[in-house]
C-alpha atoms as a PDB file:
ATOM      1  CA  UNK A   1      93.144  79.407  67.279  1.00  0.00           C
ATOM      2  CA  UNK A   2      90.588  77.876  69.613  1.00  0.00           C
ATOM      3  CA  UNK A   3      93.094  77.676  72.475  1.00  0.00           C
ATOM      4  CA  UNK A   4      93.913  81.377  72.034  1.00  0.00           C
ATOM      5  CA  UNK A   5      90.251  82.274  72.210  1.00  0.00           C
ATOM      6  CA  UNK A   6      89.810  80.171  75.350  1.00  0.00           C
ATOM      7  CA  UNK A   7      92.876  81.716  76.956  1.00  0.00           C
ATOM      8  CA  UNK A   8      91.651  85.189  76.073  1.00  0.00           C
ATOM      9  CA  UNK A   9      88.258  84.519  77.599  1.00  0.00           C
ATOM     10  CA  UNK A  10      89.864  83.039  80.712  1.00  0.00           C
ATOM     11  CA  UNK A  11      92.152  86.035  81.122  1.00  0.00           C
ATOM     12  CA  UNK A  12      89.197  88.396  80.799  1.00  0.00           C
ATOM     13  CA  UNK A  13      87.230  86.439  83.384  1.00  0.00           C
ATOM     14  CA  UNK A  14      90.170  86.505  85.800  1.00  0.00           C
ATOM     15  CA  UNK A  15      90.642  90.246  85.297  1.00  0.00           C
ATOM     16  CA  UNK A  16      87.003  90.755  86.227  1.00  0.00           C
ATOM     17  CA  UNK A  17      87.526  88.563  89.270  1.00  0.00           C
ATOM     18  CA  UNK A  18      90.502  90.631  90.415  1.00  0.00           C
ATOM     19  CA  UNK A  19      88.694  93.904  89.798  1.00  0.00           C
ATOM     20  CA  UNK A  20      86.632  93.417  92.969  1.00  0.00           C
ATOM     21  CA  UNK A  21      89.454  94.937  94.997  1.00  0.00           C
ATOM     22  CA  UNK A  22      88.652  97.396  97.795  1.00  0.00           C
ATOM     23  CA  UNK A  23      88.151 100.930  96.578  1.00  0.00           C
ATOM     24  CA  UNK A  24      90.948 103.440  97.087  1.00  0.00           C
ATOM     25  CA  UNK A  25      91.186 105.206 100.444  1.00  0.00           C
ATOM     26  CA  UNK A  26      93.470 108.148 101.148  1.00  0.00           C
ATOM     27  CA  UNK A  27      94.738 110.196 104.078  1.00  0.00           C
ATOM     28  CA  UNK A  28      94.028 113.920 103.888  1.00  0.00           C
ATOM     29  CA  UNK A  29      97.100 116.123 104.336  1.00  0.00           C
ATOM     30  CA  UNK A  30      99.333 113.238 105.394  1.00  0.00           C
ATOM     31  CA  UNK A  31     102.463 115.413 105.482  1.00  0.00           C
ATOM     32  CA  UNK A  32     100.757 118.237 107.428  1.00  0.00           C
ATOM     33  CA  UNK A  33     101.715 120.765 104.774  1.00  0.00           C
ATOM     34  CA  UNK A  34      98.297 122.426 104.756  1.00  0.00           C
ATOM     35  CA  UNK A  35      97.234 124.455 107.760  1.00  0.00           C
ATOM     36  CA  UNK A  36      98.288 127.518 109.700  1.00  0.00           C
ATOM     37  CA  UNK A  37     101.816 128.863 109.402  1.00  0.00           C
ATOM     38  CA  UNK A  38     103.538 127.534 112.540  1.00  0.00           C
ATOM     39  CA  UNK A  39     106.726 129.606 112.167  1.00  0.00           C
ATOM     40  CA  UNK A  40     109.397 127.731 114.091  1.00  0.00           C
ATOM     41  CA  UNK A  41     106.687 125.773 115.907  1.00  0.00           C
ATOM     42  CA  UNK A  42     103.257 126.390 117.406  1.00  0.00           C
ATOM     43  CA  UNK A  43     101.690 124.467 120.286  1.00  0.00           C
ATOM     44  CA  UNK A  44      98.146 123.273 119.549  1.00  0.00           C
ATOM     45  CA  UNK A  45      95.746 122.088 122.243  1.00  0.00           C
ATOM     46  CA  UNK A  46      92.732 119.769 122.202  1.00  0.00           C
ATOM     47  CA  UNK A  47      90.216 120.058 120.762  1.00  0.00           C
ATOM     48  CA  UNK A  48      91.626 121.851 117.691  1.00  0.00           C
ATOM     49  CA  UNK A  49      90.191 120.768 114.330  1.00  0.00           C
ATOM     50  CA  UNK A  50      91.097 123.821 112.253  1.00  0.00           C
ATOM     51  CA  UNK A  51      94.839 124.464 112.547  1.00  0.00           C
ATOM     52  CA  UNK A  52      95.982 121.385 110.596  1.00  0.00           C
ATOM     53  CA  UNK A  53      93.795 120.642 107.570  1.00  0.00           C
ATOM     54  CA  UNK A  54      92.130 117.242 107.830  1.00  0.00           C
ATOM     55  CA  UNK A  55      93.324 116.526 111.374  1.00  0.00           C
ATOM     56  CA  UNK A  56      91.992 117.091 114.895  1.00  0.00           C
ATOM     57  CA  UNK A  57      94.157 117.477 117.973  1.00  0.00           C
ATOM     58  CA  UNK A  58      92.061 115.080 120.031  1.00  0.00           C
ATOM     59  CA  UNK A  59      93.764 115.046 123.426  1.00  0.00           C
ATOM     60  CA  UNK A  60      96.529 116.922 125.204  1.00  0.00           C
ATOM     61  CA  UNK A  61      98.869 119.046 123.098  1.00  0.00           C
ATOM     62  CA  UNK A  62     101.057 118.697 120.021  1.00  0.00           C
ATOM     63  CA  UNK A  63     103.668 121.029 118.537  1.00  0.00           C
ATOM     64  CA  UNK A  64     103.064 121.918 114.888  1.00  0.00           C
ATOM     65  CA  UNK A  65     106.640 122.105 113.607  1.00  0.00           C
ATOM     66  CA  UNK A  66     107.725 124.502 110.879  1.00  0.00           C
ATOM     67  CA  UNK A  67     111.384 125.507 110.611  1.00  0.00           C
ATOM     68  CA  UNK A  68     112.401 124.136 114.025  1.00  0.00           C
ATOM     69  CA  UNK A  69     113.746 120.878 112.603  1.00  0.00           C
ATOM     70  CA  UNK A  70     114.060 118.920 109.375  1.00  0.00           C
ATOM     71  CA  UNK A  71     110.748 117.495 108.183  1.00  0.00           C
ATOM     72  CA  UNK A  72     110.638 114.097 106.554  1.00  0.00           C
ATOM     73  CA  UNK A  73     108.420 115.222 103.676  1.00  0.00           C
ATOM     74  CA  UNK A  74     107.865 118.858 102.770  1.00  0.00           C
ATOM     75  CA  UNK A  75     108.374 121.631 105.313  1.00  0.00           C
ATOM     76  CA  UNK A  76     106.146 120.696 108.261  1.00  0.00           C
ATOM     77  CA  UNK A  77     105.842 117.859 110.762  1.00  0.00           C
ATOM     78  CA  UNK A  78     104.597 117.223 114.294  1.00  0.00           C
ATOM     79  CA  UNK A  79     106.036 116.760 117.757  1.00  0.00           C
ATOM     80  CA  UNK A  80     103.342 114.629 119.363  1.00  0.00           C
ATOM     81  CA  UNK A  81     104.000 116.338 122.709  1.00  0.00           C
ATOM     82  CA  UNK A  82     103.375 119.992 123.458  1.00  0.00           C
ATOM     83  CA  UNK A  83     103.921 120.468 127.170  1.00  0.00           C
ATOM     84  CA  UNK A  84     102.000 117.200 127.659  1.00  0.00           C
ATOM     85  CA  UNK A  85     101.427 114.120 125.532  1.00  0.00           C
ATOM     86  CA  UNK A  86      98.902 114.620 122.733  1.00  0.00           C
ATOM     87  CA  UNK A  87      97.033 112.739 120.032  1.00  0.00           C
ATOM     88  CA  UNK A  88      95.701 113.539 116.568  1.00  0.00           C
ATOM     89  CA  UNK A  89      92.934 111.851 114.626  1.00  0.00           C
ATOM     90  CA  UNK A  90      91.328 111.734 111.211  1.00  0.00           C
ATOM     91  CA  UNK A  91      88.213 109.875 110.037  1.00  0.00           C
ATOM     92  CA  UNK A  92      89.012 107.391 107.279  1.00  0.00           C
ATOM     93  CA  UNK A  93      86.083 106.924 104.890  1.00  0.00           C
ATOM     94  CA  UNK A  94      85.392 104.560 102.012  1.00  0.00           C
ATOM     95  CA  UNK A  95      86.854 101.518 103.760  1.00  0.00           C
ATOM     96  CA  UNK A  96      85.718  98.027 102.824  1.00  0.00           C
ATOM     97  CA  UNK A  97      84.837  95.860 105.816  1.00  0.00           C
ATOM     98  CA  UNK A  98      87.093  92.821 106.094  1.00  0.00           C
ATOM     99  CA  UNK A  99      89.868  94.351 103.976  1.00  0.00           C
ATOM    100  CA  UNK A 100      93.375  94.814 105.361  1.00  0.00           C
ATOM    101  CA  UNK A 101      94.919  98.284 105.075  1.00  0.00           C
ATOM    102  CA  UNK A 102      98.508  99.425 105.550  1.00  0.00           C
ATOM    103  CA  UNK A 103      99.167 102.823 107.104  1.00  0.00           C
ATOM    104  CA  UNK A 104     102.726 104.016 106.448  1.00  0.00           C
ATOM    105  CA  UNK A 105     104.300 106.925 108.314  1.00  0.00           C
ATOM    106  CA  UNK A 106     107.664 108.444 109.153  1.00  0.00           C
ATOM    107  CA  UNK A 107     108.763 108.416 112.797  1.00  0.00           C
ATOM    108  CA  UNK A 108     111.495 110.311 114.625  1.00  0.00           C
ATOM    109  CA  UNK A 109     111.767 112.028 118.007  1.00  0.00           C
ATOM    110  CA  UNK A 110     112.404 115.416 119.563  1.00  0.00           C
ATOM    111  CA  UNK A 111     116.180 115.353 120.147  1.00  0.00           C
ATOM    112  CA  UNK A 112     116.233 118.251 122.647  1.00  0.00           C
ATOM    113  CA  UNK A 113     115.757 116.110 125.766  1.00  0.00           C
ATOM    114  CA  UNK A 114     114.783 112.660 127.015  1.00  0.00           C
ATOM    115  CA  UNK A 115     113.495 110.148 127.206  1.00  0.00           C
ATOM    116  CA  UNK A 116     115.888 108.472 124.786  1.00  0.00           C
ATOM    117  CA  UNK A 117     113.135 106.210 123.520  1.00  0.00           C
ATOM    118  CA  UNK A 118     110.156 108.124 122.141  1.00  0.00           C
ATOM    119  CA  UNK A 119     107.010 106.006 121.983  1.00  0.00           C
ATOM    120  CA  UNK A 120     103.871 106.318 119.860  1.00  0.00           C
ATOM    121  CA  UNK A 121     100.681 104.303 119.493  1.00  0.00           C
ATOM    122  CA  UNK A 122      98.558 104.000 116.335  1.00  0.00           C
ATOM    123  CA  UNK A 123      94.918 102.880 116.301  1.00  0.00           C
ATOM    124  CA  UNK A 124      92.331 102.200 113.572  1.00  0.00           C
ATOM    125  CA  UNK A 125      89.245  99.962 113.669  1.00  0.00           C
ATOM    126  CA  UNK A 126      90.147  97.265 116.198  1.00  0.00           C
ATOM    127  CA  UNK A 127      93.884  97.435 115.461  1.00  0.00           C
ATOM    128  CA  UNK A 128      96.445  99.026 117.779  1.00  0.00           C
ATOM    129  CA  UNK A 129     100.229  98.992 117.724  1.00  0.00           C
ATOM    130  CA  UNK A 130     103.057 100.726 119.591  1.00  0.00           C
ATOM    131  CA  UNK A 131     106.255 102.110 118.057  1.00  0.00           C
ATOM    132  CA  UNK A 132     109.584 103.273 119.469  1.00  0.00           C
ATOM    133  CA  UNK A 133     112.231 105.647 118.164  1.00  0.00           C
ATOM    134  CA  UNK A 134     115.712 105.991 119.732  1.00  0.00           C
ATOM    135  CA  UNK A 135     116.934 109.603 119.444  1.00  0.00           C
ATOM    136  CA  UNK A 136     120.608 108.739 120.003  1.00  0.00           C
ATOM    137  CA  UNK A 137     122.634 110.747 117.469  1.00  0.00           C
ATOM    138  CA  UNK A 138     119.615 112.669 116.152  1.00  0.00           C
ATOM    139  CA  UNK A 139     119.841 116.426 115.547  1.00  0.00           C
ATOM    140  CA  UNK A 140     117.523 119.124 114.201  1.00  0.00           C
ATOM    141  CA  UNK A 141     119.203 118.903 110.804  1.00  0.00           C
ATOM    142  CA  UNK A 142     119.420 115.102 110.790  1.00  0.00           C
ATOM    143  CA  UNK A 143     116.378 113.702 112.557  1.00  0.00           C
ATOM    144  CA  UNK A 144     116.946 110.125 111.413  1.00  0.00           C
ATOM    145  CA  UNK A 145     113.388 109.577 110.209  1.00  0.00           C
ATOM    146  CA  UNK A 146     112.385 105.921 109.823  1.00  0.00           C
ATOM    147  CA  UNK A 147     109.517 104.501 107.753  1.00  0.00           C
ATOM    148  CA  UNK A 148     107.010 102.511 109.826  1.00  0.00           C
ATOM    149  CA  UNK A 149     104.017 100.333 108.922  1.00  0.00           C
ATOM    150  CA  UNK A 150     100.733  99.804 110.752  1.00  0.00           C
ATOM    151  CA  UNK A 151      98.219  97.224 109.477  1.00  0.00           C
ATOM    152  CA  UNK A 152      94.573  96.860 110.400  1.00  0.00           C
ATOM    153  CA  UNK A 153      91.470  95.094 109.131  1.00  0.00           C
ATOM    154  CA  UNK A 154      88.509  97.400 108.617  1.00  0.00           C
ATOM    155  CA  UNK A 155      85.405  96.484 110.605  1.00  0.00           C
ATOM    156  CA  UNK A 156      83.205  98.979 108.760  1.00  0.00           C
ATOM    157  CA  UNK A 157      83.215 101.641 106.062  1.00  0.00           C
ATOM    158  CA  UNK A 158      84.620 104.358 108.344  1.00  0.00           C
ATOM    159  CA  UNK A 159      87.151 104.429 111.166  1.00  0.00           C
ATOM    160  CA  UNK A 160      89.119 107.020 113.098  1.00  0.00           C
ATOM    161  CA  UNK A 161      92.876 106.857 112.542  1.00  0.00           C
ATOM    162  CA  UNK A 162      94.579 107.949 115.763  1.00  0.00           C
ATOM    163  CA  UNK A 163      98.236 108.705 116.490  1.00  0.00           C
ATOM    164  CA  UNK A 164      98.977 109.201 120.194  1.00  0.00           C
ATOM    165  CA  UNK A 165     102.166 109.938 122.106  1.00  0.00           C
ATOM    166  CA  UNK A 166     102.803 107.689 125.091  1.00  0.00           C
ATOM    167  CA  UNK A 167     105.678 109.821 126.403  1.00  0.00           C
ATOM    168  CA  UNK A 168     104.595 111.204 129.778  1.00  0.00           C
ATOM    169  CA  UNK A 169     107.920 111.840 131.528  1.00  0.00           C
ATOM    170  CA  UNK A 170     111.695 111.635 131.162  1.00  0.00           C
ATOM    171  CA  UNK A 171     112.301 115.159 129.841  1.00  0.00           C
ATOM    172  CA  UNK A 172     113.647 118.053 131.882  1.00  0.00           C
ATOM    173  CA  UNK A 173     112.687 118.944 135.445  1.00  0.00           C
ATOM    174  CA  UNK A 174     110.711 121.954 134.222  1.00  0.00           C
ATOM    175  CA  UNK A 175     109.146 120.196 131.227  1.00  0.00           C
ATOM    176  CA  UNK A 176     109.085 116.440 131.934  1.00  0.00           C
ATOM    177  CA  UNK A 177     106.699 115.583 129.077  1.00  0.00           C
ATOM    178  CA  UNK A 178     107.500 118.199 126.434  1.00  0.00           C
ATOM    179  CA  UNK A 179     109.746 116.121 124.162  1.00  0.00           C
ATOM    180  CA  UNK A 180     107.825 113.498 122.248  1.00  0.00           C
ATOM    181  CA  UNK A 181     107.852 111.367 119.124  1.00  0.00           C
ATOM    182  CA  UNK A 182     107.876 113.198 115.777  1.00  0.00           C
ATOM    183  CA  UNK A 183     105.444 112.295 112.992  1.00  0.00           C
ATOM    184  CA  UNK A 184     105.286 113.000 109.249  1.00  0.00           C
ATOM    185  CA  UNK A 185     104.327 111.602 105.820  1.00  0.00           C
ATOM    186  CA  UNK A 186     101.256 109.489 106.641  1.00  0.00           C
ATOM    187  CA  UNK A 187      99.656 107.432 103.855  1.00  0.00           C
ATOM    188  CA  UNK A 188      97.326 104.445 103.484  1.00  0.00           C
ATOM    189  CA  UNK A 189      96.823 101.648 100.959  1.00  0.00           C
ATOM    190  CA  UNK A 190      94.620  98.573 100.713  1.00  0.00           C
ATOM    191  CA  UNK A 191      96.285  95.168 100.678  1.00  0.00           C
ATOM    192  CA  UNK A 192      95.036  93.417  97.548  1.00  0.00           C
ATOM    193  CA  UNK A 193      93.807  89.926  98.528  1.00  0.00           C
ATOM    194  CA  UNK A 194      94.633  86.901  96.409  1.00  0.00           C
ATOM    195  CA  UNK A 195      91.278  85.753  94.971  1.00  0.00           C
ATOM    196  CA  UNK A 196      90.208  82.360  96.336  1.00  0.00           C
ATOM    197  CA  UNK A 197      89.613  81.245  92.729  1.00  0.00           C
ATOM    198  CA  UNK A 198      93.283  81.785  91.775  1.00  0.00           C
ATOM    199  CA  UNK A 199      94.426  78.151  92.296  1.00  0.00           C
ATOM    200  CA  UNK A 200      91.468  76.897  90.233  1.00  0.00           C
ATOM    201  CA  UNK A 201      92.209  79.455  87.521  1.00  0.00           C
ATOM    202  CA  UNK A 202      95.878  78.412  87.318  1.00  0.00           C
ATOM    203  CA  UNK A 203      95.019  74.717  87.186  1.00  0.00           C
ATOM    204  CA  UNK A 204      92.543  75.491  84.390  1.00  0.00           C
ATOM    205  CA  UNK A 205      95.269  77.235  82.421  1.00  0.00           C
ATOM    206  CA  UNK A 206      97.459  74.176  82.874  1.00  0.00           C
ATOM    207  CA  UNK A 207      94.762  71.891  81.427  1.00  0.00           C
ATOM    208  CA  UNK A 208      94.205  74.242  78.477  1.00  0.00           C
ATOM    209  CA  UNK A 209      97.938  74.290  77.763  1.00  0.00           C
ATOM    210  CA  UNK A 210      98.150  70.494  77.921  1.00  0.00           C
ATOM    211  CA  UNK A 211      95.235  70.075  75.505  1.00  0.00           C
ATOM    212  CA  UNK A 212      96.770  72.616  73.114  1.00  0.00           C
ATOM    213  CA  UNK A 213     100.094  70.720  73.067  1.00  0.00           C
ATOM    214  CA  UNK A 214      98.350  67.414  72.401  1.00  0.00           C
ATOM    215  CA  UNK A 215      96.374  68.991  69.563  1.00  0.00           C
ATOM    216  CA  UNK A 216      99.547  70.318  67.935  1.00  0.00           C
ATOM    217  CA  UNK A 217     101.179  66.896  68.200  1.00  0.00           C
ATOM    218  CA  UNK A 218      98.174  65.217  66.590  1.00  0.00           C
ATOM    219  CA  UNK A 219      98.166  67.735  63.734  1.00  0.00           C
ATOM    220  CA  UNK A 220     101.896  67.215  63.116  1.00  0.00           C
ATOM    221  CA  UNK A 221     101.337  63.500  62.604  1.00  0.00           C
ATOM    222  CA  UNK A 222      98.967  64.047  59.677  1.00  0.00           C
END
């Protein structure tokens, strides 16, 4: 009876310890479903903060894709190049400094022309990473979307999340930079840290279990 009470109290204490996880953070309109009606597609230029809800076209141009090709999630997606390479951004709020976050997104590429390898960079806080998608075999009806992961450690409570095309040439003679990486289905989650007290907690449970077994043995002898 006593061991059960001790275990219950220990479990409650550990639950409280684990409850100090970073608060939830979300991406607004991660699949680009909310915004203007792009038809087949509409080219948006910087600085446009109204056409795609929650997002700003920060530099260059992007194509807001409607029916032109198969989206990864929902009906809309982005070509990160209009006639030139572009970038989009959104301010993440409610971050916890020192916490690691995972940004997941779907990546493909405009299959209409080269370069074969479409490249994209992602930035948040002090983190930056580059990604590549090979369009070989991709079509409008089968884009070949792949799920990608970008991790960063927050250095404050807010941070811009930036996706930027790094495709600047390799297309056609008339439009050398008009065929970029495609983006869709952006989301974010905090990586739950293992509490530093976990090893001590587990060793404590081991001691409690050992004492309980010894007590049962002593009782069985009488």
